[in-house]
Amino acid sequence: MGRGTFFYALWCLAVIAGFLAAGIFGYSPFAEGGRAHGGARAGIYGPTHK
């Protein structure tokens, strides 16, 4: 396995991990109403200003 293939596989794993983390923490960079409530970070909220 070449070095390029290894780094591509590592990048794919990082993308999958990012999607899983976003699903667990309820984060969406495109959400209009802010972050979803609940999950592992219940009680911690992001900025409330627009």
PDB file of N, CA and C in Angstrom:
ATOM      1  N   MET A   1       0.855  -1.182   0.000  1.00  0.00           N
ATOM      2  CA  MET A   1       0.000   0.000   0.000  1.00  0.00           C
ATOM      3  C   MET A   1       0.897   1.239   0.000  1.00  0.00           C
ATOM      4  N   GLY A   2       0.620   2.116  -0.935  1.00  0.00           N
ATOM      5  CA  GLY A   2       1.422   3.328  -1.049  1.00  0.00           C
ATOM      6  C   GLY A   2       1.065   4.363   0.009  1.00  0.00           C
ATOM      7  N   ARG A   3       1.942   5.352   0.103  1.00  0.00           N
ATOM      8  CA  ARG A   3       1.733   6.412   1.089  1.00  0.00           C
ATOM      9  C   ARG A   3       0.488   7.228   0.764  1.00  0.00           C
ATOM     10  N   GLY A   4       0.253   7.489  -0.538  1.00  0.00           N
ATOM     11  CA  GLY A   4      -0.930   8.251  -0.942  1.00  0.00           C
ATOM     12  C   GLY A   4      -2.223   7.530  -0.588  1.00  0.00           C
ATOM     13  N   THR A   5      -2.247   6.220  -0.781  1.00  0.00           N
ATOM     14  CA  THR A   5      -3.428   5.432  -0.438  1.00  0.00           C
ATOM     15  C   THR A   5      -3.679   5.462   1.059  1.00  0.00           C
ATOM     16  N   PHE A   6      -2.623   5.397   1.840  1.00  0.00           N
ATOM     17  CA  PHE A   6      -2.748   5.445   3.293  1.00  0.00           C
ATOM     18  C   PHE A   6      -3.337   6.777   3.747  1.00  0.00           C
ATOM     19  N   PHE A   7      -2.836   7.885   3.200  1.00  0.00           N
ATOM     20  CA  PHE A   7      -3.343   9.195   3.590  1.00  0.00           C
ATOM     21  C   PHE A   7      -4.786   9.403   3.130  1.00  0.00           C
ATOM     22  N   TYR A   8      -5.145   8.838   1.973  1.00  0.00           N
ATOM     23  CA  TYR A   8      -6.522   8.927   1.509  1.00  0.00           C
ATOM     24  C   TYR A   8      -7.455   8.157   2.449  1.00  0.00           C
ATOM     25  N   ALA A   9      -7.051   6.975   2.875  1.00  0.00           N
ATOM     26  CA  ALA A   9      -7.851   6.190   3.821  1.00  0.00           C
ATOM     27  C   ALA A   9      -7.971   6.926   5.155  1.00  0.00           C
ATOM     28  N   LEU A  10      -6.896   7.564   5.599  1.00  0.00           N
ATOM     29  CA  LEU A  10      -6.924   8.343   6.839  1.00  0.00           C
ATOM     30  C   LEU A  10      -7.881   9.522   6.712  1.00  0.00           C
ATOM     31  N   TRP A  11      -7.878  10.193   5.558  1.00  0.00           N
ATOM     32  CA  TRP A  11      -8.784  11.309   5.314  1.00  0.00           C
ATOM     33  C   TRP A  11     -10.231  10.827   5.321  1.00  0.00           C
ATOM     34  N   CYS A  12     -10.513   9.686   4.691  1.00  0.00           N
ATOM     35  CA  CYS A  12     -11.869   9.131   4.681  1.00  0.00           C
ATOM     36  C   CYS A  12     -12.344   8.818   6.100  1.00  0.00           C
ATOM     37  N   LEU A  13     -11.474   8.253   6.911  1.00  0.00           N
ATOM     38  CA  LEU A  13     -11.839   7.959   8.295  1.00  0.00           C
ATOM     39  C   LEU A  13     -12.118   9.243   9.074  1.00  0.00           C
ATOM     40  N   ALA A  14     -11.352  10.293   8.811  1.00  0.00           N
ATOM     41  CA  ALA A  14     -11.581  11.570   9.493  1.00  0.00           C
ATOM     42  C   ALA A  14     -12.930  12.159   9.095  1.00  0.00           C
ATOM     43  N   VAL A  15     -13.313  12.045   7.822  1.00  0.00           N
ATOM     44  CA  VAL A  15     -14.608  12.551   7.366  1.00  0.00           C
ATOM     45  C   VAL A  15     -15.739  11.766   8.018  1.00  0.00           C
ATOM     46  N   ILE A  16     -15.618  10.455   8.067  1.00  0.00           N
ATOM     47  CA  ILE A  16     -16.643   9.617   8.704  1.00  0.00           C
ATOM     48  C   ILE A  16     -16.744   9.942  10.193  1.00  0.00           C
ATOM     49  N   ALA A  17     -15.609  10.123  10.849  1.00  0.00           N
ATOM     50  CA  ALA A  17     -15.619  10.476  12.272  1.00  0.00           C
ATOM     51  C   ALA A  17     -16.285  11.834  12.484  1.00  0.00           C
ATOM     52  N   GLY A  18     -16.080  12.761  11.573  1.00  0.00           N
ATOM     53  CA  GLY A  18     -16.725  14.069  11.681  1.00  0.00           C
ATOM     54  C   GLY A  18     -18.236  13.971  11.568  1.00  0.00           C
ATOM     55  N   PHE A  19     -18.714  13.149  10.637  1.00  0.00           N
ATOM     56  CA  PHE A  19     -20.154  12.955  10.505  1.00  0.00           C
ATOM     57  C   PHE A  19     -20.734  12.287  11.746  1.00  0.00           C
ATOM     58  N   LEU A  20     -20.035  11.322  12.295  1.00  0.00           N
ATOM     59  CA  LEU A  20     -20.516  10.652  13.503  1.00  0.00           C
ATOM     60  C   LEU A  20     -20.553  11.615  14.690  1.00  0.00           C
ATOM     61  N   ALA A  21     -19.518  12.425  14.834  1.00  0.00           N
ATOM     62  CA  ALA A  21     -19.486  13.391  15.933  1.00  0.00           C
ATOM     63  C   ALA A  21     -20.603  14.423  15.774  1.00  0.00           C
ATOM     64  N   ALA A  22     -20.850  14.875  14.539  1.00  0.00           N
ATOM     65  CA  ALA A  22     -21.931  15.844  14.314  1.00  0.00           C
ATOM     66  C   ALA A  22     -23.282  15.227  14.651  1.00  0.00           C
ATOM     67  N   GLY A  23     -23.451  13.957  14.349  1.00  0.00           N
ATOM     68  CA  GLY A  23     -24.702  13.286  14.682  1.00  0.00           C
ATOM     69  C   GLY A  23     -24.878  13.109  16.179  1.00  0.00           C
ATOM     70  N   ILE A  24     -23.809  12.820  16.879  1.00  0.00           N
ATOM     71  CA  ILE A  24     -23.890  12.609  18.331  1.00  0.00           C
ATOM     72  C   ILE A  24     -24.148  13.928  19.049  1.00  0.00           C
ATOM     73  N   PHE A  25     -23.440  14.983  18.670  1.00  0.00           N
ATOM     74  CA  PHE A  25     -23.554  16.261  19.361  1.00  0.00           C
ATOM     75  C   PHE A  25     -24.653  17.155  18.797  1.00  0.00           C
ATOM     76  N   GLY A  26     -25.301  16.745  17.717  1.00  0.00           N
ATOM     77  CA  GLY A  26     -26.397  17.523  17.148  1.00  0.00           C
ATOM     78  C   GLY A  26     -25.955  18.822  16.524  1.00  0.00           C
ATOM     79  N   TYR A  27     -24.759  18.886  15.965  1.00  0.00           N
ATOM     80  CA  TYR A  27     -24.236  20.122  15.391  1.00  0.00           C
ATOM     81  C   TYR A  27     -24.479  20.167  13.889  1.00  0.00           C
ATOM     82  N   SER A  28     -24.931  21.312  13.401  1.00  0.00           N
ATOM     83  CA  SER A  28     -25.070  21.533  11.973  1.00  0.00           C
ATOM     84  C   SER A  28     -24.610  22.946  11.661  1.00  0.00           C
ATOM     85  N   PRO A  29     -23.666  23.120  10.732  1.00  0.00           N
ATOM     86  CA  PRO A  29     -23.209  24.466  10.404  1.00  0.00           C
ATOM     87  C   PRO A  29     -24.262  25.263   9.625  1.00  0.00           C
ATOM     88  N   PHE A  30     -25.316  24.593   9.132  1.00  0.00           N
ATOM     89  CA  PHE A  30     -26.325  25.260   8.321  1.00  0.00           C
ATOM     90  C   PHE A  30     -27.654  25.431   9.057  1.00  0.00           C
ATOM     91  N   ALA A  31     -27.729  25.052  10.324  1.00  0.00           N
ATOM     92  CA  ALA A  31     -28.990  25.116  11.061  1.00  0.00           C
ATOM     93  C   ALA A  31     -29.383  26.566  11.331  1.00  0.00           C
ATOM     94  N   GLU A  32     -30.646  26.879  11.123  1.00  0.00           N
ATOM     95  CA  GLU A  32     -31.141  28.231  11.370  1.00  0.00           C
ATOM     96  C   GLU A  32     -31.424  28.460  12.849  1.00  0.00           C
ATOM     97  N   GLY A  33     -31.889  27.432  13.541  1.00  0.00           N
ATOM     98  CA  GLY A  33     -32.298  27.598  14.923  1.00  0.00           C
ATOM     99  C   GLY A  33     -31.216  27.274  15.926  1.00  0.00           C
ATOM    100  N   GLY A  34     -29.997  27.146  15.507  1.00  0.00           N
ATOM    101  CA  GLY A  34     -28.915  26.809  16.425  1.00  0.00           C
ATOM    102  C   GLY A  34     -28.751  25.304  16.540  1.00  0.00           C
ATOM    103  N   ARG A  35     -28.085  24.904  17.577  1.00  0.00           N
ATOM    104  CA  ARG A  35     -27.802  23.490  17.768  1.00  0.00           C
ATOM    105  C   ARG A  35     -29.016  22.759  18.317  1.00  0.00           C
ATOM    106  N   ALA A  36     -29.078  21.471  18.024  1.00  0.00           N
ATOM    107  CA  ALA A  36     -30.147  20.646  18.577  1.00  0.00           C
ATOM    108  C   ALA A  36     -29.920  20.465  20.071  1.00  0.00           C
ATOM    109  N   HIS A  37     -30.988  20.269  20.810  1.00  0.00           N
ATOM    110  CA  HIS A  37     -30.890  20.108  22.252  1.00  0.00           C
ATOM    111  C   HIS A  37     -30.786  18.636  22.598  1.00  0.00           C
ATOM    112  N   GLY A  38     -30.166  18.356  23.720  1.00  0.00           N
ATOM    113  CA  GLY A  38     -30.039  16.980  24.175  1.00  0.00           C
ATOM    114  C   GLY A  38     -28.706  16.390  23.756  1.00  0.00           C
ATOM    115  N   GLY A  39     -28.615  15.083  23.800  1.00  0.00           N
ATOM    116  CA  GLY A  39     -27.383  14.423  23.418  1.00  0.00           C
ATOM    117  C   GLY A  39     -26.361  14.482  24.533  1.00  0.00           C
ATOM    118  N   ALA A  40     -25.109  14.352  24.173  1.00  0.00           N
ATOM    119  CA  ALA A  40     -24.037  14.292  25.165  1.00  0.00           C
ATOM    120  C   ALA A  40     -23.739  15.659  25.768  1.00  0.00           C
ATOM    121  N   ARG A  41     -24.172  16.744  25.120  1.00  0.00           N
ATOM    122  CA  ARG A  41     -23.828  18.085  25.605  1.00  0.00           C
ATOM    123  C   ARG A  41     -25.052  18.834  26.103  1.00  0.00           C
ATOM    124  N   ALA A  42     -25.979  18.146  26.716  1.00  0.00           N
ATOM    125  CA  ALA A  42     -27.185  18.802  27.223  1.00  0.00           C
ATOM    126  C   ALA A  42     -26.794  19.853  28.263  1.00  0.00           C
ATOM    127  N   GLY A  43     -27.360  21.031  28.134  1.00  0.00           N
ATOM    128  CA  GLY A  43     -27.078  22.105  29.074  1.00  0.00           C
ATOM    129  C   GLY A  43     -25.975  23.036  28.608  1.00  0.00           C
ATOM    130  N   ILE A  44     -25.264  22.697  27.569  1.00  0.00           N
ATOM    131  CA  ILE A  44     -24.207  23.550  27.021  1.00  0.00           C
ATOM    132  C   ILE A  44     -24.699  24.045  25.666  1.00  0.00           C
ATOM    133  N   TYR A  45     -24.808  25.350  25.516  1.00  0.00           N
ATOM    134  CA  TYR A  45     -25.343  25.909  24.290  1.00  0.00           C
ATOM    135  C   TYR A  45     -24.332  26.866  23.685  1.00  0.00           C
ATOM    136  N   GLY A  46     -24.431  27.032  22.378  1.00  0.00           N
ATOM    137  CA  GLY A  46     -23.542  27.925  21.667  1.00  0.00           C
ATOM    138  C   GLY A  46     -24.023  29.358  21.749  1.00  0.00           C
ATOM    139  N   PRO A  47     -23.499  30.231  20.905  1.00  0.00           N
ATOM    140  CA  PRO A  47     -23.887  31.641  20.905  1.00  0.00           C
ATOM    141  C   PRO A  47     -25.375  31.789  20.605  1.00  0.00           C
ATOM    142  N   THR A  48     -26.013  32.757  21.247  1.00  0.00           N
ATOM    143  CA  THR A  48     -27.438  32.976  21.029  1.00  0.00           C
ATOM    144  C   THR A  48     -27.703  34.220  20.189  1.00  0.00           C
ATOM    145  N   HIS A  49     -26.658  34.940  19.789  1.00  0.00           N
ATOM    146  CA  HIS A  49     -26.854  36.125  18.970  1.00  0.00           C
ATOM    147  C   HIS A  49     -26.835  35.741  17.497  1.00  0.00           C
ATOM    148  N   LYS A  50     -27.392  36.629  16.668  1.00  0.00           N
ATOM    149  CA  LYS A  50     -27.398  36.377  15.222  1.00  0.00           C
ATOM    150  C   LYS A  50     -26.370  37.263  14.552  1.00  0.00           C
TER     151      LYS A  50
END
